[in-house]
């Protein structure tokens, strides 16, 4: 199923596993917060991933208001609220 989505966007199928592993590690880093620098880089990675996913869905002819766009809406309050609580 996921492989079909990636191939419909003309992405190679071998990128699925590394991307999934990095997303899981990113969630662990955001929840664990070993250091501020690593947390900032993790949020930046999620942001760029969601921007590129939204663009890929738009260019593929899907609606702009997909799950990746909603992910962008959710990541901003998460980042700024976490930053507010840490400082």
C-alpha atoms as a PDB file:
ATOM      1  CA  UNK A   1       0.000   0.000   0.000  1.00  0.00           C
ATOM      2  CA  UNK A   2       2.666   2.529   1.016  1.00  0.00           C
ATOM      3  CA  UNK A   3       4.896   1.368  -1.825  1.00  0.00           C
ATOM      4  CA  UNK A   4       2.095   2.159  -4.267  1.00  0.00           C
ATOM      5  CA  UNK A   5       1.757   5.689  -2.902  1.00  0.00           C
ATOM      6  CA  UNK A   6       5.469   6.347  -3.243  1.00  0.00           C
ATOM      7  CA  UNK A   7       5.571   4.933  -6.757  1.00  0.00           C
ATOM      8  CA  UNK A   8       2.554   7.033  -7.774  1.00  0.00           C
ATOM      9  CA  UNK A   9       4.582  10.103  -6.773  1.00  0.00           C
ATOM     10  CA  UNK A  10       7.577   8.776  -8.777  1.00  0.00           C
ATOM     11  CA  UNK A  11       9.660   8.215  -5.644  1.00  0.00           C
ATOM     12  CA  UNK A  12      11.804   5.074  -5.305  1.00  0.00           C
ATOM     13  CA  UNK A  13      10.451   2.366  -3.027  1.00  0.00           C
ATOM     14  CA  UNK A  14      13.761   1.931  -1.170  1.00  0.00           C
ATOM     15  CA  UNK A  15      13.269   5.271   0.596  1.00  0.00           C
ATOM     16  CA  UNK A  16      10.287   4.002   2.613  1.00  0.00           C
ATOM     17  CA  UNK A  17      12.214   2.128   5.330  1.00  0.00           C
ATOM     18  CA  UNK A  18      14.841   4.837   6.079  1.00  0.00           C
ATOM     19  CA  UNK A  19      12.148   7.514   6.132  1.00  0.00           C
ATOM     20  CA  UNK A  20      10.017   5.480   8.550  1.00  0.00           C
ATOM     21  CA  UNK A  21      12.986   4.788  10.838  1.00  0.00           C
ATOM     22  CA  UNK A  22      13.962   8.465  10.906  1.00  0.00           C
ATOM     23  CA  UNK A  23      10.399   9.531  11.691  1.00  0.00           C
ATOM     24  CA  UNK A  24      10.225   7.092  14.606  1.00  0.00           C
ATOM     25  CA  UNK A  25      13.599   8.317  15.902  1.00  0.00           C
ATOM     26  CA  UNK A  26      12.357  11.892  15.509  1.00  0.00           C
ATOM     27  CA  UNK A  27       9.299  11.216  17.650  1.00  0.00           C
ATOM     28  CA  UNK A  28      11.505   9.602  20.304  1.00  0.00           C
ATOM     29  CA  UNK A  29      13.827  12.622  20.306  1.00  0.00           C
ATOM     30  CA  UNK A  30      10.937  15.087  20.577  1.00  0.00           C
ATOM     31  CA  UNK A  31       9.435  13.189  23.510  1.00  0.00           C
ATOM     32  CA  UNK A  32      12.745  12.464  25.263  1.00  0.00           C
ATOM     33  CA  UNK A  33      14.453  15.836  24.521  1.00  0.00           C
ATOM     34  CA  UNK A  34      18.081  14.815  25.129  1.00  0.00           C
ATOM     35  CA  UNK A  35      19.316  18.301  24.170  1.00  0.00           C
ATOM     36  CA  UNK A  36      17.761  21.453  22.745  1.00  0.00           C
ATOM     37  CA  UNK A  37      19.908  21.438  19.615  1.00  0.00           C
ATOM     38  CA  UNK A  38      18.831  17.936  18.633  1.00  0.00           C
ATOM     39  CA  UNK A  39      15.182  18.764  19.306  1.00  0.00           C
ATOM     40  CA  UNK A  40      15.411  21.860  17.088  1.00  0.00           C
ATOM     41  CA  UNK A  41      16.922  19.820  14.253  1.00  0.00           C
ATOM     42  CA  UNK A  42      14.211  17.205  14.655  1.00  0.00           C
ATOM     43  CA  UNK A  43      11.441  19.770  14.366  1.00  0.00           C
ATOM     44  CA  UNK A  44      13.194  21.257  11.329  1.00  0.00           C
ATOM     45  CA  UNK A  45      13.322  17.815   9.726  1.00  0.00           C
ATOM     46  CA  UNK A  46       9.623  17.246  10.375  1.00  0.00           C
ATOM     47  CA  UNK A  47       8.809  20.690   8.976  1.00  0.00           C
ATOM     48  CA  UNK A  48      10.737  20.174   5.734  1.00  0.00           C
ATOM     49  CA  UNK A  49       9.362  16.652   5.368  1.00  0.00           C
ATOM     50  CA  UNK A  50       5.801  17.949   5.695  1.00  0.00           C
ATOM     51  CA  UNK A  51       6.422  20.856   3.295  1.00  0.00           C
ATOM     52  CA  UNK A  52       7.799  18.491   0.658  1.00  0.00           C
ATOM     53  CA  UNK A  53       5.003  15.966   1.261  1.00  0.00           C
ATOM     54  CA  UNK A  54       2.372  18.679   0.821  1.00  0.00           C
ATOM     55  CA  UNK A  55       4.040  19.820  -2.407  1.00  0.00           C
ATOM     56  CA  UNK A  56       4.249  16.234  -3.683  1.00  0.00           C
ATOM     57  CA  UNK A  57       0.558  15.688  -3.039  1.00  0.00           C
ATOM     58  CA  UNK A  58      -0.294  18.963  -4.756  1.00  0.00           C
ATOM     59  CA  UNK A  59       1.798  18.139  -7.849  1.00  0.00           C
ATOM     60  CA  UNK A  60       0.319  14.630  -7.993  1.00  0.00           C
ATOM     61  CA  UNK A  61      -3.140  16.132  -8.315  1.00  0.00           C
ATOM     62  CA  UNK A  62      -4.344  15.382  -4.801  1.00  0.00           C
ATOM     63  CA  UNK A  63      -6.110  17.994  -2.766  1.00  0.00           C
ATOM     64  CA  UNK A  64      -3.908  20.488  -0.912  1.00  0.00           C
ATOM     65  CA  UNK A  65      -5.808  19.848   2.311  1.00  0.00           C
ATOM     66  CA  UNK A  66      -4.421  16.381   2.942  1.00  0.00           C
ATOM     67  CA  UNK A  67      -2.862  14.776   5.986  1.00  0.00           C
ATOM     68  CA  UNK A  68       0.514  16.386   5.311  1.00  0.00           C
ATOM     69  CA  UNK A  69      -1.048  19.854   5.382  1.00  0.00           C
ATOM     70  CA  UNK A  70      -2.813  19.040   8.645  1.00  0.00           C
ATOM     71  CA  UNK A  71       0.524  17.836   9.978  1.00  0.00           C
ATOM     72  CA  UNK A  72       1.956  21.274   9.237  1.00  0.00           C
ATOM     73  CA  UNK A  73      -0.870  22.861  11.198  1.00  0.00           C
ATOM     74  CA  UNK A  74      -0.187  20.577  14.180  1.00  0.00           C
ATOM     75  CA  UNK A  75       3.605  20.927  14.208  1.00  0.00           C
ATOM     76  CA  UNK A  76       3.615  24.701  14.802  1.00  0.00           C
ATOM     77  CA  UNK A  77       1.696  24.678  18.121  1.00  0.00           C
ATOM     78  CA  UNK A  78       3.700  21.641  19.217  1.00  0.00           C
ATOM     79  CA  UNK A  79       6.995  23.404  18.567  1.00  0.00           C
ATOM     80  CA  UNK A  80       6.088  26.775  20.058  1.00  0.00           C
ATOM     81  CA  UNK A  81       4.275  25.352  23.086  1.00  0.00           C
ATOM     82  CA  UNK A  82       7.202  23.039  23.804  1.00  0.00           C
ATOM     83  CA  UNK A  83       9.634  25.931  23.440  1.00  0.00           C
ATOM     84  CA  UNK A  84       7.495  28.086  25.750  1.00  0.00           C
ATOM     85  CA  UNK A  85       7.364  25.371  28.409  1.00  0.00           C
ATOM     86  CA  UNK A  86      11.125  24.707  28.204  1.00  0.00           C
ATOM     87  CA  UNK A  87      12.108  28.375  28.540  1.00  0.00           C
END
